[in-house]
């Protein structure tokens, strides 16, 4: 895991609840969470990393790509 991925997971742990699970797959963060939590995470990631976030839905998960 890269230093950046570790920092992203630290933000996730601070914001998300215990029922929200996450996994990195080939540079994309997949989080199983509600739509409201995904929106909050997107906002937190933008603030923390000052980069563009590409969010999409993949089944019951939300995928986050950092650009």
Protein backbone atom coordinates (compact mmCIF):
# COMPACT_ATOMS: atom_id res chain seq x y z
CA UNK A 1 0.00 0.00 0.00
CA UNK A 2 1.32 3.44 -0.91
CA UNK A 3 1.65 6.38 1.47
CA UNK A 4 -1.18 8.15 -0.35
CA UNK A 5 -3.50 5.14 -0.01
CA UNK A 6 -2.72 5.00 3.71
CA UNK A 7 -3.60 8.70 4.10
CA UNK A 8 -6.88 8.17 2.23
CA UNK A 9 -7.78 5.31 4.58
CA UNK A 10 -7.01 7.55 7.56
CA UNK A 11 -9.57 10.09 6.29
CA UNK A 12 -12.03 7.28 5.66
CA UNK A 13 -11.59 5.92 9.20
CA UNK A 14 -12.18 9.38 10.68
CA UNK A 15 -15.42 9.95 8.72
CA UNK A 16 -17.02 6.57 7.97
CA UNK A 17 -18.83 4.31 10.37
CA UNK A 18 -17.90 0.74 11.31
CA UNK A 19 -20.49 -0.63 8.88
CA UNK A 20 -18.75 1.08 5.94
CA UNK A 21 -16.11 -1.19 4.43
CA UNK A 22 -13.36 -0.24 2.00
CA UNK A 23 -10.82 -1.90 -0.24
CA UNK A 24 -8.19 -0.68 -2.72
CA UNK A 25 -8.23 -2.44 -6.10
CA UNK A 26 -5.66 -1.37 -8.70
CA UNK A 27 -5.56 2.24 -7.50
CA UNK A 28 -9.32 2.64 -7.05
CA UNK A 29 -10.92 2.84 -3.61
CA UNK A 30 -14.16 0.85 -3.32
CA UNK A 31 -16.35 1.69 -0.33
CA UNK A 32 -19.54 -0.11 0.59
CA UNK A 33 -21.61 2.69 2.09
CA UNK A 34 -24.77 4.77 1.70
CA UNK A 35 -25.17 7.47 -0.94
CA UNK A 36 -25.05 10.12 1.79
CA UNK A 37 -21.79 8.73 3.19
CA UNK A 38 -20.28 8.55 -0.31
CA UNK A 39 -21.07 12.23 -0.83
CA UNK A 40 -19.54 13.12 2.52
CA UNK A 41 -16.43 11.07 1.76
CA UNK A 42 -16.05 12.72 -1.64
CA UNK A 43 -16.18 16.15 0.01
CA UNK A 44 -13.69 15.13 2.71
CA UNK A 45 -11.29 13.67 0.15
CA UNK A 46 -11.45 16.85 -1.96
CA UNK A 47 -10.70 18.98 1.09
CA UNK A 48 -7.91 16.74 2.40
CA UNK A 49 -6.10 16.13 -0.89
CA UNK A 50 -7.09 19.09 -3.09
CA UNK A 51 -7.50 16.90 -6.14
CA UNK A 52 -10.25 15.88 -8.49
CA UNK A 53 -12.31 12.90 -7.31
CA UNK A 54 -14.08 10.69 -9.83
CA UNK A 55 -16.87 8.82 -8.06
CA UNK A 56 -18.96 6.10 -9.61
CA UNK A 57 -21.29 3.41 -8.39
CA UNK A 58 -20.33 -0.23 -8.82
CA UNK A 59 -23.08 -2.51 -7.56
CA UNK A 60 -23.51 -1.78 -3.84
CA UNK A 61 -20.19 0.02 -3.65
CA UNK A 62 -18.97 3.49 -4.51
CA UNK A 63 -15.69 3.70 -6.42
CA UNK A 64 -13.35 6.65 -5.85
CA UNK A 65 -10.53 7.53 -8.24
CA UNK A 66 -8.14 10.33 -7.36
CA UNK A 67 -6.90 12.47 -10.26
